[in-house]
């Protein structure tokens, strides 16, 4: 079963934090082939944006490079994903736009599980969220 990884594996690249080690373990499992996972181009964009905004441009570029190597079949965000995201935003008013885009991409690609620390995904009946420590 392939899973989608949310952007929160940024914890793996950050300072000491309780979520750092579980997120590092998820990425290690992807790298060693024991976890079938994917991301979309929006995840990479979000990482570039967040780290650059925090004054960590070099870290952002380094992590983006690692991610595009780790996920050579990076999922594109398409028009259909955006249409799906708009429907999700109508259905789930408290859902963030970025989360809706991720779920739209997941649904279009037949993915039902997201690895995330974000409980906002729990409201979406079409998918299941797993915490990084539970993977």
Protein backbone atom coordinates (compact mmCIF):
# COMPACT_ATOMS: atom_id res chain seq x y z
CA UNK A 1 0.00 0.00 0.00
CA UNK A 2 1.42 3.37 -1.00
CA UNK A 3 1.03 6.29 1.40
CA UNK A 4 1.23 10.04 0.90
CA UNK A 5 3.62 12.02 3.10
CA UNK A 6 2.49 15.40 4.34
CA UNK A 7 4.93 18.30 4.58
CA UNK A 8 5.42 17.87 8.30
CA UNK A 9 8.51 15.74 7.75
CA UNK A 10 10.11 19.19 7.93
CA UNK A 11 10.59 18.15 11.55
CA UNK A 12 13.25 15.74 10.29
CA UNK A 13 15.31 18.69 9.04
CA UNK A 14 14.75 20.89 12.06
CA UNK A 15 16.08 21.38 15.53
CA UNK A 16 15.39 19.07 18.44
CA UNK A 17 11.67 18.34 18.66
CA UNK A 18 9.59 15.36 19.87
CA UNK A 19 8.46 14.75 16.26
CA UNK A 20 11.94 14.89 14.76
CA UNK A 21 12.90 11.23 15.26
CA UNK A 22 9.58 9.73 14.08
CA UNK A 23 9.78 11.87 10.92
CA UNK A 24 13.43 10.88 10.34
CA UNK A 25 12.42 7.21 10.66
CA UNK A 26 9.69 7.64 8.04
CA UNK A 27 12.17 9.13 5.57
CA UNK A 28 14.69 6.36 6.33
CA UNK A 29 12.04 3.75 5.58
CA UNK A 30 11.27 5.43 2.26
CA UNK A 31 14.99 5.52 1.42
CA UNK A 32 15.56 1.85 2.29
CA UNK A 33 12.44 0.75 0.41
CA UNK A 34 10.46 -0.57 3.38
CA UNK A 35 7.81 2.15 3.04
CA UNK A 36 6.11 2.79 -0.29
CA UNK A 37 5.41 6.51 -0.18
CA UNK A 38 4.98 9.47 -2.45
CA UNK A 39 4.53 13.24 -2.35
CA UNK A 40 3.29 15.86 -4.77
CA UNK A 41 5.01 18.94 -6.14
CA UNK A 42 3.09 21.09 -3.64
CA UNK A 43 4.91 19.40 -0.75
CA UNK A 44 8.27 20.42 -2.23
CA UNK A 45 6.98 23.94 -2.91
CA UNK A 46 5.75 24.24 0.67
CA UNK A 47 9.11 23.13 2.06
CA UNK A 48 10.93 25.64 -0.14
CA UNK A 49 8.54 28.38 0.98
CA UNK A 50 8.60 27.63 4.72
CA UNK A 51 12.35 27.19 5.08
CA UNK A 52 13.19 30.16 2.85
CA UNK A 53 10.79 32.35 4.82
CA UNK A 54 12.60 31.25 7.99
CA UNK A 55 15.91 32.43 6.52
CA UNK A 56 17.08 28.89 5.72
CA UNK A 57 17.30 29.11 1.93
CA UNK A 58 20.31 26.79 1.64
CA UNK A 59 18.56 24.18 3.81
CA UNK A 60 15.43 24.56 1.68
CA UNK A 61 17.33 23.93 -1.53
CA UNK A 62 19.22 21.00 -0.04
CA UNK A 63 16.04 19.35 1.27
CA UNK A 64 14.19 19.95 -2.01
CA UNK A 65 17.07 18.28 -3.84
CA UNK A 66 16.94 15.27 -1.52
CA UNK A 67 13.18 14.99 -1.93
CA UNK A 68 13.25 15.10 -5.71
CA UNK A 69 15.87 12.34 -5.60
CA UNK A 70 13.99 10.29 -3.00
CA UNK A 71 10.72 10.66 -4.93
CA UNK A 72 11.63 10.49 -8.65
CA UNK A 73 7.96 9.97 -9.52
CA UNK A 74 6.85 13.19 -7.81
CA UNK A 75 3.10 13.59 -8.32
CA UNK A 76 2.10 16.68 -10.28
CA UNK A 77 -0.73 18.87 -9.03
CA UNK A 78 -3.20 18.96 -11.91
CA UNK A 79 -6.33 20.85 -12.81
CA UNK A 80 -8.39 17.86 -11.67
CA UNK A 81 -6.63 17.96 -8.28
CA UNK A 82 -7.54 21.61 -7.89
CA UNK A 83 -11.16 20.93 -8.85
CA UNK A 84 -11.23 18.10 -6.27
CA UNK A 85 -9.62 20.41 -3.69
CA UNK A 86 -12.34 23.02 -4.25
CA UNK A 87 -14.99 20.39 -3.63
CA UNK A 88 -13.20 19.32 -0.43
CA UNK A 89 -13.01 22.94 0.74
CA UNK A 90 -16.78 23.23 0.29
CA UNK A 91 -17.39 19.94 2.11
CA UNK A 92 -14.89 20.61 4.94
CA UNK A 93 -14.95 24.37 5.72
CA UNK A 94 -12.14 24.20 8.28
CA UNK A 95 -9.74 22.40 5.90
CA UNK A 96 -6.75 24.45 4.76
CA UNK A 97 -6.17 25.03 1.06
CA UNK A 98 -2.83 23.20 1.03
CA UNK A 99 -4.31 20.21 2.83
CA UNK A 100 -7.18 20.15 0.34
CA UNK A 101 -4.72 20.14 -2.57
CA UNK A 102 -2.81 17.25 -1.00
CA UNK A 103 -6.02 15.26 -0.54
CA UNK A 104 -7.17 16.12 -4.06
CA UNK A 105 -3.91 14.71 -5.42
CA UNK A 106 -4.25 11.64 -3.21
CA UNK A 107 -7.77 10.87 -4.33
CA UNK A 108 -6.96 11.33 -8.02
CA UNK A 109 -4.09 8.86 -7.63
CA UNK A 110 -6.05 6.29 -5.61
CA UNK A 111 -4.21 6.94 -2.34
CA UNK A 112 -6.18 6.51 0.88
CA UNK A 113 -3.56 6.99 3.63
CA UNK A 114 -1.58 10.09 4.59
CA UNK A 115 1.31 10.12 7.06
CA UNK A 116 0.90 13.36 8.97
CA UNK A 117 0.95 14.92 12.42
CA UNK A 118 -1.88 17.21 11.33
CA UNK A 119 -5.21 16.14 12.91
CA UNK A 120 -7.11 18.30 10.39
CA UNK A 121 -6.89 15.32 8.02
CA UNK A 122 -8.96 13.25 10.47
CA UNK A 123 -12.15 15.06 9.41
CA UNK A 124 -11.87 13.83 5.83
CA UNK A 125 -13.88 10.63 5.49
CA UNK A 126 -12.29 9.69 2.15
CA UNK A 127 -8.82 9.14 3.65
CA UNK A 128 -7.07 7.85 6.77
CA UNK A 129 -4.29 9.63 8.66
CA UNK A 130 -1.40 7.83 10.33
CA UNK A 131 0.99 9.59 12.68
CA UNK A 132 4.69 9.26 11.76
CA UNK A 133 5.33 7.22 14.91
CA UNK A 134 2.67 4.67 13.87
CA UNK A 135 4.17 3.91 10.47
